[in-house]
C-alpha cells in the first residue's frame, strides 16, 4: 500500500483523476478529515473539501504506472 497527499484544484483535475483511477483494477481511497471515499467515485470526491490536500491510499504494491500518471496532482 502507498500513501501520499495530493491536491485537485479544478473540476477538470477531478475528472482527469477519476478517469485515470478507473483504468486500474486495484482500490484507491481518498481521505479528507474523517471522510473516506472511493477514488473512482466522482460524486464522492466532490463531497470532500477540495481546498485542502487529500490523503490518497493506493491498495496495491504494483502501482508505479498509476503513480506516474497522477504525478501532476501529487504534493511533493
PDB file of N, CA and C in Angstrom:
ATOM      1  N   UNK A   1       0.848  -1.181   0.000  1.00  0.00           N
ATOM      2  CA  UNK A   1       0.000   0.000   0.000  1.00  0.00           C
ATOM      3  C   UNK A   1       0.888   1.238   0.000  1.00  0.00           C
ATOM      4  N   UNK A   2       0.513   2.224  -0.779  1.00  0.00           N
ATOM      5  CA  UNK A   2       1.226   3.501  -0.840  1.00  0.00           C
ATOM      6  C   UNK A   2       0.299   4.600  -0.349  1.00  0.00           C
ATOM      7  N   UNK A   3       0.872   5.557   0.394  1.00  0.00           N
ATOM      8  CA  UNK A   3       0.099   6.683   0.912  1.00  0.00           C
ATOM      9  C   UNK A   3       0.838   7.978   0.586  1.00  0.00           C
ATOM     10  N   UNK A   4       0.082   8.971   0.107  1.00  0.00           N
ATOM     11  CA  UNK A   4       0.655  10.279  -0.203  1.00  0.00           C
ATOM     12  C   UNK A   4      -0.459  11.312  -0.211  1.00  0.00           C
ATOM     13  N   UNK A   5      -0.094  12.587  -0.321  1.00  0.00           N
ATOM     14  CA  UNK A   5      -1.077  13.669  -0.384  1.00  0.00           C
ATOM     15  C   UNK A   5      -1.106  14.246  -1.790  1.00  0.00           C
ATOM     16  N   UNK A   6      -2.298  14.699  -2.182  1.00  0.00           N
ATOM     17  CA  UNK A   6      -2.437  15.338  -3.495  1.00  0.00           C
ATOM     18  C   UNK A   6      -3.443  16.476  -3.400  1.00  0.00           C
ATOM     19  N   UNK A   7      -3.473  17.286  -4.440  1.00  0.00           N
ATOM     20  CA  UNK A   7      -4.393  18.411  -4.495  1.00  0.00           C
ATOM     21  C   UNK A   7      -5.096  18.405  -5.846  1.00  0.00           C
ATOM     22  N   UNK A   8      -6.427  18.437  -5.810  1.00  0.00           N
ATOM     23  CA  UNK A   8      -7.245  18.536  -7.023  1.00  0.00           C
ATOM     24  C   UNK A   8      -7.868  19.926  -6.999  1.00  0.00           C
ATOM     25  N   UNK A   9      -7.359  20.817  -7.846  1.00  0.00           N
ATOM     26  CA  UNK A   9      -7.746  22.225  -7.728  1.00  0.00           C
ATOM     27  C   UNK A   9      -8.847  22.671  -8.693  1.00  0.00           C
ATOM     28  N   UNK A  10      -9.260  21.807  -9.614  1.00  0.00           N
ATOM     29  CA  UNK A  10     -10.323  22.209 -10.542  1.00  0.00           C
ATOM     30  C   UNK A  10     -11.205  21.010 -10.889  1.00  0.00           C
ATOM     31  N   UNK A  11     -12.327  21.301 -11.515  1.00  0.00           N
ATOM     32  CA  UNK A  11     -13.248  20.248 -11.944  1.00  0.00           C
ATOM     33  C   UNK A  11     -12.567  19.332 -12.959  1.00  0.00           C
ATOM     34  N   UNK A  12     -11.783  19.912 -13.853  1.00  0.00           N
ATOM     35  CA  UNK A  12     -11.070  19.104 -14.844  1.00  0.00           C
ATOM     36  C   UNK A  12     -10.040  18.191 -14.190  1.00  0.00           C
ATOM     37  N   UNK A  13      -9.385  18.672 -13.114  1.00  0.00           N
ATOM     38  CA  UNK A  13      -8.445  17.820 -12.379  1.00  0.00           C
ATOM     39  C   UNK A  13      -9.167  16.605 -11.811  1.00  0.00           C
ATOM     40  N   UNK A  14     -10.340  16.814 -11.224  1.00  0.00           N
ATOM     41  CA  UNK A  14     -11.115  15.715 -10.645  1.00  0.00           C
ATOM     42  C   UNK A  14     -11.506  14.727 -11.742  1.00  0.00           C
ATOM     43  N   UNK A  15     -11.982  15.242 -12.855  1.00  0.00           N
ATOM     44  CA  UNK A  15     -12.397  14.379 -13.974  1.00  0.00           C
ATOM     45  C   UNK A  15     -11.216  13.568 -14.499  1.00  0.00           C
ATOM     46  N   UNK A  16     -10.071  14.206 -14.707  1.00  0.00           N
ATOM     47  CA  UNK A  16      -8.883  13.506 -15.199  1.00  0.00           C
ATOM     48  C   UNK A  16      -8.415  12.453 -14.202  1.00  0.00           C
ATOM     49  N   UNK A  17      -8.448  12.794 -12.904  1.00  0.00           N
ATOM     50  CA  UNK A  17      -8.023  11.854 -11.875  1.00  0.00           C
ATOM     51  C   UNK A  17      -8.934  10.623 -11.846  1.00  0.00           C
ATOM     52  N   UNK A  18     -10.247  10.824 -11.866  1.00  0.00           N
ATOM     53  CA  UNK A  18     -11.198   9.702 -11.834  1.00  0.00           C
ATOM     54  C   UNK A  18     -11.029   8.824 -13.080  1.00  0.00           C
ATOM     55  N   UNK A  19     -10.849   9.427 -14.242  1.00  0.00           N
ATOM     56  CA  UNK A  19     -10.644   8.651 -15.465  1.00  0.00           C
ATOM     57  C   UNK A  19      -9.373   7.805 -15.374  1.00  0.00           C
ATOM     58  N   UNK A  20      -8.327   8.353 -14.781  1.00  0.00           N
ATOM     59  CA  UNK A  20      -7.076   7.616 -14.620  1.00  0.00           C
ATOM     60  C   UNK A  20      -7.234   6.465 -13.636  1.00  0.00           C
ATOM     61  N   UNK A  21      -7.823   6.732 -12.479  1.00  0.00           N
ATOM     62  CA  UNK A  21      -8.004   5.702 -11.450  1.00  0.00           C
ATOM     63  C   UNK A  21      -8.886   4.570 -11.970  1.00  0.00           C
ATOM     64  N   UNK A  22      -9.889   4.902 -12.753  1.00  0.00           N
ATOM     65  CA  UNK A  22     -10.840   3.898 -13.236  1.00  0.00           C
ATOM     66  C   UNK A  22     -10.202   2.884 -14.186  1.00  0.00           C
ATOM     67  N   UNK A  23      -9.049   3.203 -14.746  1.00  0.00           N
ATOM     68  CA  UNK A  23      -8.363   2.273 -15.643  1.00  0.00           C
ATOM     69  C   UNK A  23      -7.714   1.116 -14.894  1.00  0.00           C
ATOM     70  N   UNK A  24      -7.533   1.267 -13.587  1.00  0.00           N
ATOM     71  CA  UNK A  24      -6.825   0.257 -12.795  1.00  0.00           C
ATOM     72  C   UNK A  24      -7.812  -0.549 -11.955  1.00  0.00           C
ATOM     73  N   UNK A  25      -7.484  -1.831 -11.721  1.00  0.00           N
ATOM     74  CA  UNK A  25      -8.425  -2.687 -11.010  1.00  0.00           C
ATOM     75  C   UNK A  25      -8.159  -2.793  -9.511  1.00  0.00           C
ATOM     76  N   UNK A  26      -7.185  -2.062  -8.976  1.00  0.00           N
ATOM     77  CA  UNK A  26      -6.987  -2.050  -7.526  1.00  0.00           C
ATOM     78  C   UNK A  26      -7.767  -0.900  -6.904  1.00  0.00           C
ATOM     79  N   UNK A  27      -7.941  -0.959  -5.583  1.00  0.00           N
ATOM     80  CA  UNK A  27      -8.709   0.068  -4.872  1.00  0.00           C
ATOM     81  C   UNK A  27      -7.829   1.254  -4.510  1.00  0.00           C
ATOM     82  N   UNK A  28      -8.426   2.446  -4.581  1.00  0.00           N
ATOM     83  CA  UNK A  28      -7.769   3.674  -4.156  1.00  0.00           C
ATOM     84  C   UNK A  28      -8.772   4.434  -3.304  1.00  0.00           C
ATOM     85  N   UNK A  29      -8.369   4.802  -2.086  1.00  0.00           N
ATOM     86  CA  UNK A  29      -9.242   5.553  -1.184  1.00  0.00           C
ATOM     87  C   UNK A  29      -8.701   6.964  -1.010  1.00  0.00           C
ATOM     88  N   UNK A  30      -9.617   7.917  -0.882  1.00  0.00           N
ATOM     89  CA  UNK A  30      -9.258   9.305  -0.601  1.00  0.00           C
ATOM     90  C   UNK A  30      -9.803   9.670   0.779  1.00  0.00           C
ATOM     91  N   UNK A  31      -8.972  10.332   1.582  1.00  0.00           N
ATOM     92  CA  UNK A  31      -9.366  10.718   2.931  1.00  0.00           C
ATOM     93  C   UNK A  31      -9.209  12.219   3.092  1.00  0.00           C
ATOM     94  N   UNK A  32     -10.261  12.851   3.592  1.00  0.00           N
ATOM     95  CA  UNK A  32     -10.230  14.277   3.916  1.00  0.00           C
ATOM     96  C   UNK A  32     -10.930  14.438   5.256  1.00  0.00           C
ATOM     97  N   UNK A  33     -10.160  14.774   6.286  1.00  0.00           N
ATOM     98  CA  UNK A  33     -10.739  14.841   7.624  1.00  0.00           C
ATOM     99  C   UNK A  33     -11.161  13.458   8.060  1.00  0.00           C
ATOM    100  N   UNK A  34     -12.432  13.306   8.434  1.00  0.00           N
ATOM    101  CA  UNK A  34     -12.912  11.987   8.854  1.00  0.00           C
ATOM    102  C   UNK A  34     -13.678  11.256   7.758  1.00  0.00           C
ATOM    103  N   UNK A  35     -13.675  11.795   6.558  1.00  0.00           N
ATOM    104  CA  UNK A  35     -14.394  11.182   5.439  1.00  0.00           C
ATOM    105  C   UNK A  35     -13.447  10.389   4.549  1.00  0.00           C
ATOM    106  N   UNK A  36     -13.870   9.188   4.178  1.00  0.00           N
ATOM    107  CA  UNK A  36     -13.112   8.339   3.262  1.00  0.00           C
ATOM    108  C   UNK A  36     -14.034   7.971   2.108  1.00  0.00           C
ATOM    109  N   UNK A  37     -13.574   8.206   0.869  1.00  0.00           N
ATOM    110  CA  UNK A  37     -14.390   7.874  -0.306  1.00  0.00           C
ATOM    111  C   UNK A  37     -13.555   7.064  -1.299  1.00  0.00           C
ATOM    112  N   UNK A  38     -14.249   6.350  -2.158  1.00  0.00           N
ATOM    113  CA  UNK A  38     -13.621   5.598  -3.236  1.00  0.00           C
ATOM    114  C   UNK A  38     -13.153   6.600  -4.300  1.00  0.00           C
ATOM    115  N   UNK A  39     -11.893   6.488  -4.716  1.00  0.00           N
ATOM    116  CA  UNK A  39     -11.332   7.434  -5.691  1.00  0.00           C
ATOM    117  C   UNK A  39     -11.965   7.287  -7.071  1.00  0.00           C
ATOM    118  N   UNK A  40     -12.693   6.207  -7.318  1.00  0.00           N
ATOM    119  CA  UNK A  40     -13.352   6.016  -8.611  1.00  0.00           C
ATOM    120  C   UNK A  40     -14.734   6.658  -8.646  1.00  0.00           C
ATOM    121  N   UNK A  41     -15.142   7.279  -7.536  1.00  0.00           N
ATOM    122  CA  UNK A  41     -16.453   7.911  -7.442  1.00  0.00           C
ATOM    123  C   UNK A  41     -16.314   9.425  -7.566  1.00  0.00           C
ATOM    124  N   UNK A  42     -16.739   9.957  -8.700  1.00  0.00           N
ATOM    125  CA  UNK A  42     -16.622  11.402  -8.910  1.00  0.00           C
ATOM    126  C   UNK A  42     -17.513  12.176  -7.926  1.00  0.00           C
ATOM    127  N   UNK A  43     -18.684  11.630  -7.619  1.00  0.00           N
ATOM    128  CA  UNK A  43     -19.567  12.288  -6.637  1.00  0.00           C
ATOM    129  C   UNK A  43     -18.948  12.241  -5.240  1.00  0.00           C
ATOM    130  N   UNK A  44     -18.303  11.130  -4.919  1.00  0.00           N
ATOM    131  CA  UNK A  44     -17.631  11.024  -3.631  1.00  0.00           C
ATOM    132  C   UNK A  44     -16.524  12.053  -3.481  1.00  0.00           C
ATOM    133  N   UNK A  45     -15.744  12.246  -4.534  1.00  0.00           N
ATOM    134  CA  UNK A  45     -14.657  13.230  -4.486  1.00  0.00           C
ATOM    135  C   UNK A  45     -15.210  14.634  -4.308  1.00  0.00           C
ATOM    136  N   UNK A  46     -16.302  14.958  -4.994  1.00  0.00           N
ATOM    137  CA  UNK A  46     -16.878  16.293  -4.856  1.00  0.00           C
ATOM    138  C   UNK A  46     -17.495  16.529  -3.483  1.00  0.00           C
ATOM    139  N   UNK A  47     -17.707  15.455  -2.696  1.00  0.00           N
ATOM    140  CA  UNK A  47     -18.219  15.638  -1.340  1.00  0.00           C
ATOM    141  C   UNK A  47     -17.103  15.993  -0.360  1.00  0.00           C
ATOM    142  N   UNK A  48     -15.843  15.911  -0.800  1.00  0.00           N
ATOM    143  CA  UNK A  48     -14.706  16.238   0.062  1.00  0.00           C
ATOM    144  C   UNK A  48     -14.372  17.721  -0.027  1.00  0.00           C
ATOM    145  N   UNK A  49     -13.592  18.198   0.944  1.00  0.00           N
ATOM    146  CA  UNK A  49     -13.104  19.581   0.935  1.00  0.00           C
ATOM    147  C   UNK A  49     -11.891  19.641   0.011  1.00  0.00           C
ATOM    148  N   UNK A  50     -12.080  20.086  -1.216  1.00  0.00           N
ATOM    149  CA  UNK A  50     -11.012  20.089  -2.217  1.00  0.00           C
ATOM    150  C   UNK A  50     -10.077  21.290  -2.093  1.00  0.00           C
ATOM    151  N   UNK A  51     -10.333  22.181  -1.138  1.00  0.00           N
ATOM    152  CA  UNK A  51      -9.438  23.322  -0.942  1.00  0.00           C
ATOM    153  C   UNK A  51      -8.202  22.931  -0.139  1.00  0.00           C
ATOM    154  N   UNK A  52      -8.215  21.731   0.442  1.00  0.00           N
ATOM    155  CA  UNK A  52      -7.091  21.246   1.242  1.00  0.00           C
ATOM    156  C   UNK A  52      -6.512  19.993   0.587  1.00  0.00           C
ATOM    157  N   UNK A  53      -5.261  19.659   0.907  1.00  0.00           N
ATOM    158  CA  UNK A  53      -4.690  18.410   0.376  1.00  0.00           C
ATOM    159  C   UNK A  53      -5.507  17.197   0.815  1.00  0.00           C
ATOM    160  N   UNK A  54      -5.559  16.196  -0.044  1.00  0.00           N
ATOM    161  CA  UNK A  54      -6.309  14.967   0.202  1.00  0.00           C
ATOM    162  C   UNK A  54      -5.309  13.822   0.360  1.00  0.00           C
ATOM    163  N   UNK A  55      -5.538  12.998   1.369  1.00  0.00           N
ATOM    164  CA  UNK A  55      -4.681  11.824   1.583  1.00  0.00           C
ATOM    165  C   UNK A  55      -5.151  10.708   0.661  1.00  0.00           C
ATOM    166  N   UNK A  56      -4.212  10.100  -0.053  1.00  0.00           N
ATOM    167  CA  UNK A  56      -4.509   9.031  -1.004  1.00  0.00           C
ATOM    168  C   UNK A  56      -3.893   7.732  -0.496  1.00  0.00           C
ATOM    169  N   UNK A  57      -4.685   6.653  -0.502  1.00  0.00           N
ATOM    170  CA  UNK A  57      -4.179   5.321  -0.144  1.00  0.00           C
ATOM    171  C   UNK A  57      -4.399   4.403  -1.334  1.00  0.00           C
ATOM    172  N   UNK A  58      -3.294   3.942  -1.916  1.00  0.00           N
ATOM    173  CA  UNK A  58      -3.347   3.027  -3.050  1.00  0.00           C
ATOM    174  C   UNK A  58      -3.158   1.615  -2.511  1.00  0.00           C
ATOM    175  N   UNK A  59      -4.150   0.755  -2.696  1.00  0.00           N
ATOM    176  CA  UNK A  59      -4.115  -0.607  -2.168  1.00  0.00           C
ATOM    177  C   UNK A  59      -3.534  -1.575  -3.194  1.00  0.00           C
ATOM    178  N   UNK A  60      -2.258  -1.334  -3.524  1.00  0.00           N
ATOM    179  CA  UNK A  60      -1.543  -2.193  -4.463  1.00  0.00           C
ATOM    180  C   UNK A  60      -0.049  -1.979  -4.270  1.00  0.00           C
ATOM    181  N   UNK A  61       0.717  -3.044  -4.436  1.00  0.00           N
ATOM    182  CA  UNK A  61       2.172  -2.914  -4.365  1.00  0.00           C
ATOM    183  C   UNK A  61       2.774  -2.668  -5.744  1.00  0.00           C
ATOM    184  N   UNK A  62       1.971  -2.806  -6.778  1.00  0.00           N
ATOM    185  CA  UNK A  62       2.440  -2.648  -8.149  1.00  0.00           C
ATOM    186  C   UNK A  62       1.712  -1.470  -8.800  1.00  0.00           C
ATOM    187  N   UNK A  63       2.019  -0.270  -8.324  1.00  0.00           N
ATOM    188  CA  UNK A  63       1.271   0.908  -8.776  1.00  0.00           C
ATOM    189  C   UNK A  63       2.161   1.971  -9.419  1.00  0.00           C
ATOM    190  N   UNK A  64       3.314   1.579  -9.921  1.00  0.00           N
ATOM    191  CA  UNK A  64       4.239   2.569 -10.491  1.00  0.00           C
ATOM    192  C   UNK A  64       3.641   3.291 -11.701  1.00  0.00           C
ATOM    193  N   UNK A  65       2.959   2.553 -12.580  1.00  0.00           N
ATOM    194  CA  UNK A  65       2.351   3.179 -13.766  1.00  0.00           C
ATOM    195  C   UNK A  65       1.270   4.166 -13.345  1.00  0.00           C
ATOM    196  N   UNK A  66       0.467   3.781 -12.364  1.00  0.00           N
ATOM    197  CA  UNK A  66      -0.577   4.668 -11.849  1.00  0.00           C
ATOM    198  C   UNK A  66       0.042   5.928 -11.244  1.00  0.00           C
ATOM    199  N   UNK A  67       1.083   5.750 -10.438  1.00  0.00           N
ATOM    200  CA  UNK A  67       1.742   6.894  -9.787  1.00  0.00           C
ATOM    201  C   UNK A  67       2.312   7.854 -10.836  1.00  0.00           C
ATOM    202  N   UNK A  68       2.863   7.314 -11.906  1.00  0.00           N
ATOM    203  CA  UNK A  68       3.415   8.160 -12.966  1.00  0.00           C
ATOM    204  C   UNK A  68       2.320   8.970 -13.650  1.00  0.00           C
ATOM    205  N   UNK A  69       1.145   8.366 -13.824  1.00  0.00           N
ATOM    206  CA  UNK A  69       0.038   9.068 -14.496  1.00  0.00           C
ATOM    207  C   UNK A  69      -0.544  10.191 -13.656  1.00  0.00           C
ATOM    208  N   UNK A  70      -0.555  10.036 -12.326  1.00  0.00           N
ATOM    209  CA  UNK A  70      -1.163  11.067 -11.475  1.00  0.00           C
ATOM    210  C   UNK A  70      -0.118  11.970 -10.826  1.00  0.00           C
ATOM    211  N   UNK A  71       1.119  11.906 -11.295  1.00  0.00           N
ATOM    212  CA  UNK A  71       2.214  12.668 -10.702  1.00  0.00           C
ATOM    213  C   UNK A  71       1.925  14.172 -10.628  1.00  0.00           C
ATOM    214  N   UNK A  72       1.183  14.701 -11.589  1.00  0.00           N
ATOM    215  CA  UNK A  72       0.913  16.148 -11.612  1.00  0.00           C
ATOM    216  C   UNK A  72       0.018  16.596 -10.439  1.00  0.00           C
ATOM    217  N   UNK A  73      -0.695  15.670  -9.792  1.00  0.00           N
ATOM    218  CA  UNK A  73      -1.565  16.021  -8.675  1.00  0.00           C
ATOM    219  C   UNK A  73      -0.877  15.840  -7.322  1.00  0.00           C
ATOM    220  N   UNK A  74       0.229  15.103  -7.281  1.00  0.00           N
ATOM    221  CA  UNK A  74       0.898  14.754  -6.018  1.00  0.00           C
ATOM    222  C   UNK A  74       1.636  15.956  -5.457  1.00  0.00           C
ATOM    223  N   UNK A  75       1.485  16.167  -4.147  1.00  0.00           N
ATOM    224  CA  UNK A  75       2.218  17.227  -3.453  1.00  0.00           C
ATOM    225  C   UNK A  75       3.550  16.655  -3.023  1.00  0.00           C
ATOM    226  N   UNK A  76       4.622  17.304  -3.456  1.00  0.00           N
ATOM    227  CA  UNK A  76       5.964  16.794  -3.139  1.00  0.00           C
ATOM    228  C   UNK A  76       6.615  17.612  -2.047  1.00  0.00           C
TER     229      UNK A  76
END
